[in-house]
Amino acid sequence: MNWSVYIIEADDRSYYTGITTDINKRFQKHLSGNGAKYFNGRSPIKIVYTENEHTRSSASKREAEIKKLSRNEKKLLIDAN
């Protein structure tokens, strides 16, 4: 199965990173309030970054790497995409 890593920008300008096999379906879950607890008290605005063609394992590892980045480093990653 093809896994993707994604970053969503929230209404407070923060970034949420996650993994999924269906980015559009997952984003809709976040919008409806049935996604990550991260969006309790904030709203997802848009998907700003994606990486495709991952295995479940490589997507999880990449997600962890991205989550360790500073906001500025994430911004550079997004802008380079």
C-alpha atoms as a PDB file:
ATOM      1  CA  MET A   1       0.000   0.000   0.000  1.00  0.00           C
ATOM      2  CA  ASN A   2       1.211   3.514  -0.808  1.00  0.00           C
ATOM      3  CA  TRP A   3       1.591   5.724   2.264  1.00  0.00           C
ATOM      4  CA  SER A   4       1.988   9.497   2.272  1.00  0.00           C
ATOM      5  CA  VAL A   5       3.395  11.988   4.749  1.00  0.00           C
ATOM      6  CA  TYR A   6       1.589  15.314   4.905  1.00  0.00           C
ATOM      7  CA  ILE A   7       1.719  18.670   6.658  1.00  0.00           C
ATOM      8  CA  ILE A   8      -1.412  20.709   7.313  1.00  0.00           C
ATOM      9  CA  GLU A   9      -1.359  24.380   8.233  1.00  0.00           C
ATOM     10  CA  ALA A  10      -3.786  25.231  11.044  1.00  0.00           C
ATOM     11  CA  ASP A  11      -5.647  28.512  11.582  1.00  0.00           C
ATOM     12  CA  ASP A  12      -3.124  29.500  14.279  1.00  0.00           C
ATOM     13  CA  ARG A  13      -0.350  29.154  11.643  1.00  0.00           C
ATOM     14  CA  SER A  14       1.029  26.007  13.288  1.00  0.00           C
ATOM     15  CA  TYR A  15       1.844  22.866  11.334  1.00  0.00           C
ATOM     16  CA  TYR A  16       0.484  19.367  11.892  1.00  0.00           C
ATOM     17  CA  THR A  17       2.314  16.379  10.398  1.00  0.00           C
ATOM     18  CA  GLY A  18       0.717  12.999   9.801  1.00  0.00           C
ATOM     19  CA  ILE A  19       0.650   9.913   7.589  1.00  0.00           C
ATOM     20  CA  THR A  20      -2.139   8.279   5.619  1.00  0.00           C
ATOM     21  CA  THR A  21      -2.977   6.159   2.596  1.00  0.00           C
ATOM     22  CA  ASP A  22      -5.596   8.699   1.418  1.00  0.00           C
ATOM     23  CA  ILE A  23      -4.688  12.349   1.951  1.00  0.00           C
ATOM     24  CA  ASN A  24      -8.012  13.824   0.823  1.00  0.00           C
ATOM     25  CA  LYS A  25     -10.056  11.472   2.998  1.00  0.00           C
ATOM     26  CA  ARG A  26      -7.801  12.144   5.990  1.00  0.00           C
ATOM     27  CA  PHE A  27      -8.021  15.916   5.495  1.00  0.00           C
ATOM     28  CA  GLN A  28     -11.825  15.653   5.449  1.00  0.00           C
ATOM     29  CA  LYS A  29     -11.660  13.776   8.768  1.00  0.00           C
ATOM     30  CA  HIS A  30      -9.567  16.591  10.237  1.00  0.00           C
ATOM     31  CA  LEU A  31     -12.052  19.164   8.911  1.00  0.00           C
ATOM     32  CA  SER A  32     -15.006  17.301  10.425  1.00  0.00           C
ATOM     33  CA  GLY A  33     -13.363  17.116  13.849  1.00  0.00           C
ATOM     34  CA  ASN A  34     -12.877  13.342  13.708  1.00  0.00           C
ATOM     35  CA  GLY A  35      -9.160  13.460  12.966  1.00  0.00           C
ATOM     36  CA  ALA A  36      -6.320  14.234  15.338  1.00  0.00           C
ATOM     37  CA  LYS A  37      -6.823  15.731  18.790  1.00  0.00           C
ATOM     38  CA  TYR A  38      -4.323  18.373  17.650  1.00  0.00           C
ATOM     39  CA  PHE A  39      -7.228  20.136  15.950  1.00  0.00           C
ATOM     40  CA  ASN A  40      -9.278  20.495  19.143  1.00  0.00           C
ATOM     41  CA  GLY A  41      -9.265  24.272  19.572  1.00  0.00           C
ATOM     42  CA  ARG A  42      -7.732  24.955  16.168  1.00  0.00           C
ATOM     43  CA  SER A  43      -8.887  24.321  12.620  1.00  0.00           C
ATOM     44  CA  PRO A  44      -7.068  22.791   9.659  1.00  0.00           C
ATOM     45  CA  ILE A  45      -6.747  25.272   6.798  1.00  0.00           C
ATOM     46  CA  LYS A  46      -4.925  23.490   3.992  1.00  0.00           C
ATOM     47  CA  ILE A  47      -2.481  20.756   3.107  1.00  0.00           C
ATOM     48  CA  VAL A  48       0.823  22.510   2.491  1.00  0.00           C
ATOM     49  CA  TYR A  49       3.177  19.575   1.929  1.00  0.00           C
ATOM     50  CA  THR A  50       3.040  15.945   0.833  1.00  0.00           C
ATOM     51  CA  GLU A  51       5.507  13.133   0.227  1.00  0.00           C
ATOM     52  CA  ASN A  52       4.206  10.036  -1.530  1.00  0.00           C
ATOM     53  CA  GLU A  53       5.463   6.531  -2.329  1.00  0.00           C
ATOM     54  CA  HIS A  54       6.283   5.541   1.253  1.00  0.00           C
ATOM     55  CA  THR A  55       5.807   2.210   2.985  1.00  0.00           C
ATOM     56  CA  ARG A  56       4.077   2.314   6.374  1.00  0.00           C
ATOM     57  CA  SER A  57       7.465   2.050   8.039  1.00  0.00           C
ATOM     58  CA  SER A  58       9.228   4.730   5.985  1.00  0.00           C
ATOM     59  CA  ALA A  59       6.238   7.087   6.358  1.00  0.00           C
ATOM     60  CA  SER A  60       6.332   6.728  10.143  1.00  0.00           C
ATOM     61  CA  LYS A  61      10.067   7.379  10.212  1.00  0.00           C
ATOM     62  CA  ARG A  62       9.738  10.427   7.960  1.00  0.00           C
ATOM     63  CA  GLU A  63       6.844  11.750  10.057  1.00  0.00           C
ATOM     64  CA  ALA A  64       9.017  11.524  13.171  1.00  0.00           C
ATOM     65  CA  GLU A  65      11.866  13.342  11.387  1.00  0.00           C
ATOM     66  CA  ILE A  66       9.587  16.176  10.287  1.00  0.00           C
ATOM     67  CA  LYS A  67       8.010  16.516  13.736  1.00  0.00           C
ATOM     68  CA  LYS A  68      11.486  17.137  15.179  1.00  0.00           C
ATOM     69  CA  LEU A  69      12.076  20.089  12.829  1.00  0.00           C
ATOM     70  CA  SER A  70      11.641  23.654  14.037  1.00  0.00           C
ATOM     71  CA  ARG A  71       8.856  25.772  12.577  1.00  0.00           C
ATOM     72  CA  ASN A  72      11.405  27.567  10.363  1.00  0.00           C
ATOM     73  CA  GLU A  73      12.840  24.275   9.111  1.00  0.00           C
ATOM     74  CA  LYS A  74       9.324  23.041   8.306  1.00  0.00           C
ATOM     75  CA  LYS A  75       8.658  26.285   6.441  1.00  0.00           C
ATOM     76  CA  LEU A  76      11.815  25.768   4.367  1.00  0.00           C
ATOM     77  CA  LEU A  77      10.717  22.188   3.584  1.00  0.00           C
ATOM     78  CA  ILE A  78       7.272  23.420   2.520  1.00  0.00           C
ATOM     79  CA  ASP A  79       8.687  26.255   0.409  1.00  0.00           C
ATOM     80  CA  ALA A  80      11.115  23.891  -1.354  1.00  0.00           C
ATOM     81  CA  ASN A  81       8.240  21.651  -2.419  1.00  0.00           C
END
